[in-house]
Amino acid sequence: MDIKDIQNLIKFVAKSGASEVKLETDDIKITIKTGGDEKAETQTFVQQIPMGAMAQAPVAAPIVVDAAPAKAAPAEDDNSKYITIKSPIIGTLYRKPSPDKPVFVEVGQTINEGDVLCIIEAMKLFNEIESEVSGKIVKVLVDDSSPVEFDQPLFLVDPS
């Protein structure tokens, strides 16, 4: 794993909203921790694991990358009137049924209960995510082909 791969991993974790990610292979161990609300930063610790029994003790080298500043609280109040549709599983979210087809839902589109909003792939299984509410899509919170966590917000819906 080279430095470019590590930088891409840091960017991915910062965008995903995960608080901590650990990656271990035979020869490298990486821990990425993102800061809380008070301090928006990402810390990465890269540790080389020695190959021989007589090798020196592993050394951790921190890499600190500043993330975008936290959003203001008033924006959260504006979204309180909307219903948040969250991911029921961990996987990769796809907004389209296939690459050559249009997206399932767009911002401004009216949806009904039971409408398919997206697909989440988990362990090579494609799970259709259906709406549990009727309303109008106000905001799409996740990009196409991006990883999602359990209970991660995906869509904002105006029920009125």
C-alpha atoms as a PDB file:
ATOM      1  CA  MET A   1       0.000   0.000   0.000  1.00  0.00           C
ATOM      2  CA  ASP A   2       1.564   3.287  -1.060  1.00  0.00           C
ATOM      3  CA  ILE A   3       0.988   6.817   0.266  1.00  0.00           C
ATOM      4  CA  LYS A   4      -1.575   7.593  -2.456  1.00  0.00           C
ATOM      5  CA  ASP A   5      -3.718   4.622  -1.367  1.00  0.00           C
ATOM      6  CA  ILE A   6      -3.490   5.791   2.248  1.00  0.00           C
ATOM      7  CA  GLN A   7      -4.497   9.338   1.274  1.00  0.00           C
ATOM      8  CA  ASN A   8      -7.495   7.987  -0.674  1.00  0.00           C
ATOM      9  CA  LEU A   9      -8.474   5.871   2.327  1.00  0.00           C
ATOM     10  CA  ILE A  10      -8.309   8.948   4.591  1.00  0.00           C
ATOM     11  CA  LYS A  11     -10.561  10.923   2.214  1.00  0.00           C
ATOM     12  CA  PHE A  12     -13.003   8.008   2.021  1.00  0.00           C
ATOM     13  CA  VAL A  13     -13.250   7.708   5.817  1.00  0.00           C
ATOM     14  CA  ALA A  14     -13.678  11.475   6.237  1.00  0.00           C
ATOM     15  CA  LYS A  15     -16.578  11.495   3.755  1.00  0.00           C
ATOM     16  CA  SER A  16     -18.228   8.387   5.208  1.00  0.00           C
ATOM     17  CA  GLY A  17     -18.745   9.887   8.648  1.00  0.00           C
ATOM     18  CA  ALA A  18     -17.255   6.871  10.425  1.00  0.00           C
ATOM     19  CA  SER A  19     -15.524   7.721  13.703  1.00  0.00           C
ATOM     20  CA  GLU A  20     -12.833   5.036  13.490  1.00  0.00           C
ATOM     21  CA  VAL A  21     -11.572   2.576  10.859  1.00  0.00           C
ATOM     22  CA  LYS A  22      -8.894  -0.085  11.354  1.00  0.00           C
ATOM     23  CA  LEU A  23      -7.224  -1.919   8.474  1.00  0.00           C
ATOM     24  CA  GLU A  24      -4.715  -4.722   8.987  1.00  0.00           C
ATOM     25  CA  THR A  25      -2.851  -6.740   6.382  1.00  0.00           C
ATOM     26  CA  ASP A  26       0.177  -9.022   6.701  1.00  0.00           C
ATOM     27  CA  ASP A  27       2.678  -6.168   6.567  1.00  0.00           C
ATOM     28  CA  ILE A  28       0.781  -2.989   7.517  1.00  0.00           C
ATOM     29  CA  LYS A  29      -1.632  -1.825  10.184  1.00  0.00           C
ATOM     30  CA  ILE A  30      -3.653   1.420   9.713  1.00  0.00           C
ATOM     31  CA  THR A  31      -6.010   3.099  12.178  1.00  0.00           C
ATOM     32  CA  ILE A  32      -7.943   6.201  11.093  1.00  0.00           C
ATOM     33  CA  LYS A  33      -9.838   8.172  13.729  1.00  0.00           C
ATOM     34  CA  THR A  34     -11.986  11.194  12.908  1.00  0.00           C
ATOM     35  CA  GLY A  35     -12.461  14.002  15.425  1.00  0.00           C
ATOM     36  CA  GLY A  36     -15.719  14.763  17.225  1.00  0.00           C
ATOM     37  CA  ASP A  37     -17.921  17.867  16.822  1.00  0.00           C
ATOM     38  CA  GLU A  38     -15.483  20.070  18.737  1.00  0.00           C
ATOM     39  CA  LYS A  39     -12.494  19.331  16.540  1.00  0.00           C
ATOM     40  CA  ALA A  40     -13.062  18.320  12.916  1.00  0.00           C
ATOM     41  CA  GLU A  41      -9.928  16.447  11.909  1.00  0.00           C
ATOM     42  CA  THR A  42      -8.813  13.009  10.811  1.00  0.00           C
ATOM     43  CA  GLN A  43      -5.897  11.212  12.442  1.00  0.00           C
ATOM     44  CA  THR A  44      -4.164   8.306  10.776  1.00  0.00           C
ATOM     45  CA  PHE A  45      -1.629   5.990  12.355  1.00  0.00           C
ATOM     46  CA  VAL A  46       0.388   3.783   9.992  1.00  0.00           C
ATOM     47  CA  GLN A  47       2.376   0.947  11.536  1.00  0.00           C
ATOM     48  CA  GLN A  48       4.695  -1.389   9.675  1.00  0.00           C
ATOM     49  CA  ILE A  49       4.685  -4.912  11.118  1.00  0.00           C
ATOM     50  CA  PRO A  50       8.177  -6.469  11.235  1.00  0.00           C
ATOM     51  CA  MET A  51       8.720  -9.501   9.042  1.00  0.00           C
ATOM     52  CA  GLY A  52      11.484 -11.234  11.050  1.00  0.00           C
ATOM     53  CA  ALA A  53      11.623 -12.301  14.684  1.00  0.00           C
ATOM     54  CA  MET A  54      14.703 -10.110  15.282  1.00  0.00           C
ATOM     55  CA  ALA A  55      13.132  -6.968  13.751  1.00  0.00           C
ATOM     56  CA  GLN A  56      12.844  -3.702  15.652  1.00  0.00           C
ATOM     57  CA  ALA A  57       9.670  -2.693  17.471  1.00  0.00           C
ATOM     58  CA  PRO A  58       6.998  -1.189  15.180  1.00  0.00           C
ATOM     59  CA  VAL A  59       6.764   2.589  14.990  1.00  0.00           C
ATOM     60  CA  ALA A  60       3.535   4.547  14.486  1.00  0.00           C
ATOM     61  CA  ALA A  61       3.672   7.710  12.387  1.00  0.00           C
ATOM     62  CA  PRO A  62       0.630   9.997  12.750  1.00  0.00           C
ATOM     63  CA  ILE A  63      -0.696  11.844   9.720  1.00  0.00           C
ATOM     64  CA  VAL A  64      -3.187  14.606  10.501  1.00  0.00           C
ATOM     65  CA  VAL A  65      -5.505  15.929   7.799  1.00  0.00           C
ATOM     66  CA  ASP A  66      -7.916  18.793   8.479  1.00  0.00           C
ATOM     67  CA  ALA A  67     -11.495  18.013   7.482  1.00  0.00           C
ATOM     68  CA  ALA A  68     -14.253  20.461   6.567  1.00  0.00           C
ATOM     69  CA  PRO A  69     -15.564  22.537   9.478  1.00  0.00           C
ATOM     70  CA  ALA A  70     -18.666  21.281  11.263  1.00  0.00           C
ATOM     71  CA  LYS A  71     -22.031  22.561  10.003  1.00  0.00           C
ATOM     72  CA  ALA A  72     -23.947  25.138  11.991  1.00  0.00           C
ATOM     73  CA  ALA A  73     -26.806  24.054  14.267  1.00  0.00           C
ATOM     74  CA  PRO A  74     -29.500  26.182  12.511  1.00  0.00           C
ATOM     75  CA  ALA A  75     -29.243  23.998   9.408  1.00  0.00           C
ATOM     76  CA  GLU A  76     -30.131  21.021  11.585  1.00  0.00           C
ATOM     77  CA  ASP A  77     -33.249  22.827  12.824  1.00  0.00           C
ATOM     78  CA  ASP A  78     -34.350  23.406   9.208  1.00  0.00           C
ATOM     79  CA  ASN A  79     -34.182  19.652   8.562  1.00  0.00           C
ATOM     80  CA  SER A  80     -36.172  18.756  11.690  1.00  0.00           C
ATOM     81  CA  LYS A  81     -39.460  18.993   9.778  1.00  0.00           C
ATOM     82  CA  TYR A  82     -38.272  16.325   7.333  1.00  0.00           C
ATOM     83  CA  ILE A  83     -38.244  12.558   7.747  1.00  0.00           C
ATOM     84  CA  THR A  84     -34.808  10.976   7.406  1.00  0.00           C
ATOM     85  CA  ILE A  85     -34.650   7.655   5.578  1.00  0.00           C
ATOM     86  CA  LYS A  86     -31.687   5.701   6.947  1.00  0.00           C
ATOM     87  CA  SER A  87     -29.739   2.708   5.720  1.00  0.00           C
ATOM     88  CA  PRO A  88     -30.999  -0.572   7.197  1.00  0.00           C
ATOM     89  CA  ILE A  89     -27.718  -2.373   6.371  1.00  0.00           C
ATOM     90  CA  ILE A  90     -24.021  -1.868   5.670  1.00  0.00           C
ATOM     91  CA  GLY A  91     -23.003  -2.012   2.009  1.00  0.00           C
ATOM     92  CA  THR A  92     -22.558  -0.066  -1.212  1.00  0.00           C
ATOM     93  CA  LEU A  93     -25.436   2.196  -2.234  1.00  0.00           C
ATOM     94  CA  TYR A  94     -26.499   2.394  -5.874  1.00  0.00           C
ATOM     95  CA  ARG A  95     -29.030   5.021  -6.945  1.00  0.00           C
ATOM     96  CA  LYS A  96     -29.678   3.258 -10.297  1.00  0.00           C
ATOM     97  CA  PRO A  97     -30.850  -0.286 -11.077  1.00  0.00           C
ATOM     98  CA  SER A  98     -27.979  -0.545 -13.612  1.00  0.00           C
ATOM     99  CA  PRO A  99     -25.369   1.882 -15.001  1.00  0.00           C
ATOM    100  CA  ASP A 100     -27.366   2.643 -18.164  1.00  0.00           C
ATOM    101  CA  LYS A 101     -30.698   3.249 -16.366  1.00  0.00           C
ATOM    102  CA  PRO A 102     -31.951   6.469 -14.706  1.00  0.00           C
ATOM    103  CA  VAL A 103     -31.818   6.909 -10.918  1.00  0.00           C
ATOM    104  CA  PHE A 104     -34.697   5.538  -8.830  1.00  0.00           C
ATOM    105  CA  VAL A 105     -35.577   8.934  -7.265  1.00  0.00           C
ATOM    106  CA  GLU A 106     -34.572  12.568  -7.825  1.00  0.00           C
ATOM    107  CA  VAL A 107     -34.780  15.620  -5.579  1.00  0.00           C
ATOM    108  CA  GLY A 108     -38.282  17.075  -5.865  1.00  0.00           C
ATOM    109  CA  GLN A 109     -39.876  13.776  -6.884  1.00  0.00           C
ATOM    110  CA  THR A 110     -42.980  12.631  -5.001  1.00  0.00           C
ATOM    111  CA  ILE A 111     -42.719   9.120  -3.582  1.00  0.00           C
ATOM    112  CA  ASN A 112     -45.238   6.722  -2.063  1.00  0.00           C
ATOM    113  CA  GLU A 113     -44.830   4.126   0.635  1.00  0.00           C
ATOM    114  CA  GLY A 114     -43.218   1.031  -0.905  1.00  0.00           C
ATOM    115  CA  ASP A 115     -41.436   2.869  -3.755  1.00  0.00           C
ATOM    116  CA  VAL A 116     -37.845   1.696  -4.352  1.00  0.00           C
ATOM    117  CA  LEU A 117     -35.411   4.493  -3.438  1.00  0.00           C
ATOM    118  CA  CYS A 118     -32.080   2.776  -4.061  1.00  0.00           C
ATOM    119  CA  ILE A 119     -30.228  -0.548  -3.917  1.00  0.00           C
ATOM    120  CA  ILE A 120     -27.657  -1.493  -1.298  1.00  0.00           C
ATOM    121  CA  GLU A 121     -25.242  -4.278  -2.183  1.00  0.00           C
ATOM    122  CA  ALA A 122     -24.080  -6.322   0.775  1.00  0.00           C
ATOM    123  CA  MET A 123     -21.987  -9.463   0.299  1.00  0.00           C
ATOM    124  CA  LYS A 124     -22.902  -9.709  -3.406  1.00  0.00           C
ATOM    125  CA  LEU A 125     -26.634  -9.464  -2.620  1.00  0.00           C
ATOM    126  CA  PHE A 126     -28.567  -6.511  -4.029  1.00  0.00           C
ATOM    127  CA  ASN A 127     -31.221  -5.291  -1.570  1.00  0.00           C
ATOM    128  CA  GLU A 128     -33.908  -2.884  -2.773  1.00  0.00           C
ATOM    129  CA  ILE A 129     -34.515  -0.164  -0.185  1.00  0.00           C
ATOM    130  CA  GLU A 130     -38.182   0.818  -0.179  1.00  0.00           C
ATOM    131  CA  SER A 131     -39.713   3.960   1.270  1.00  0.00           C
ATOM    132  CA  GLU A 132     -41.617   3.576   4.523  1.00  0.00           C
ATOM    133  CA  VAL A 133     -43.219   7.017   4.083  1.00  0.00           C
ATOM    134  CA  SER A 134     -44.952   9.041   1.390  1.00  0.00           C
ATOM    135  CA  GLY A 135     -43.801  12.534   0.520  1.00  0.00           C
ATOM    136  CA  LYS A 136     -41.383  14.550  -1.561  1.00  0.00           C
ATOM    137  CA  ILE A 137     -37.614  13.928  -1.781  1.00  0.00           C
ATOM    138  CA  VAL A 138     -35.940  17.072  -0.417  1.00  0.00           C
ATOM    139  CA  LYS A 139     -32.311  15.963  -0.365  1.00  0.00           C
ATOM    140  CA  VAL A 140     -30.193  12.972  -1.385  1.00  0.00           C
ATOM    141  CA  LEU A 141     -27.466  12.597   1.255  1.00  0.00           C
ATOM    142  CA  VAL A 142     -25.350   9.858  -0.366  1.00  0.00           C
ATOM    143  CA  ASP A 143     -23.591   9.668  -3.737  1.00  0.00           C
ATOM    144  CA  ASP A 144     -24.083   6.793  -6.176  1.00  0.00           C
ATOM    145  CA  SER A 145     -21.737   3.809  -5.697  1.00  0.00           C
ATOM    146  CA  SER A 146     -20.643   4.965  -2.250  1.00  0.00           C
ATOM    147  CA  PRO A 147     -20.317   2.843   0.891  1.00  0.00           C
ATOM    148  CA  VAL A 148     -22.929   3.303   3.614  1.00  0.00           C
ATOM    149  CA  GLU A 149     -23.041   2.327   7.271  1.00  0.00           C
ATOM    150  CA  PHE A 150     -25.956   0.933   9.251  1.00  0.00           C
ATOM    151  CA  ASP A 151     -28.379   3.733  10.246  1.00  0.00           C
ATOM    152  CA  GLN A 152     -26.610   6.286   8.003  1.00  0.00           C
ATOM    153  CA  PRO A 153     -29.015   8.968   6.669  1.00  0.00           C
ATOM    154  CA  LEU A 154     -29.699   8.477   2.939  1.00  0.00           C
ATOM    155  CA  PHE A 155     -32.618  10.739   2.011  1.00  0.00           C
ATOM    156  CA  LEU A 156     -34.630  13.616   3.498  1.00  0.00           C
ATOM    157  CA  VAL A 157     -38.368  13.427   2.761  1.00  0.00           C
ATOM    158  CA  ASP A 158     -40.972  16.169   3.269  1.00  0.00           C
ATOM    159  CA  PRO A 159     -44.098  14.287   4.396  1.00  0.00           C
ATOM    160  CA  SER A 160     -46.490  17.215   3.703  1.00  0.00           C
END
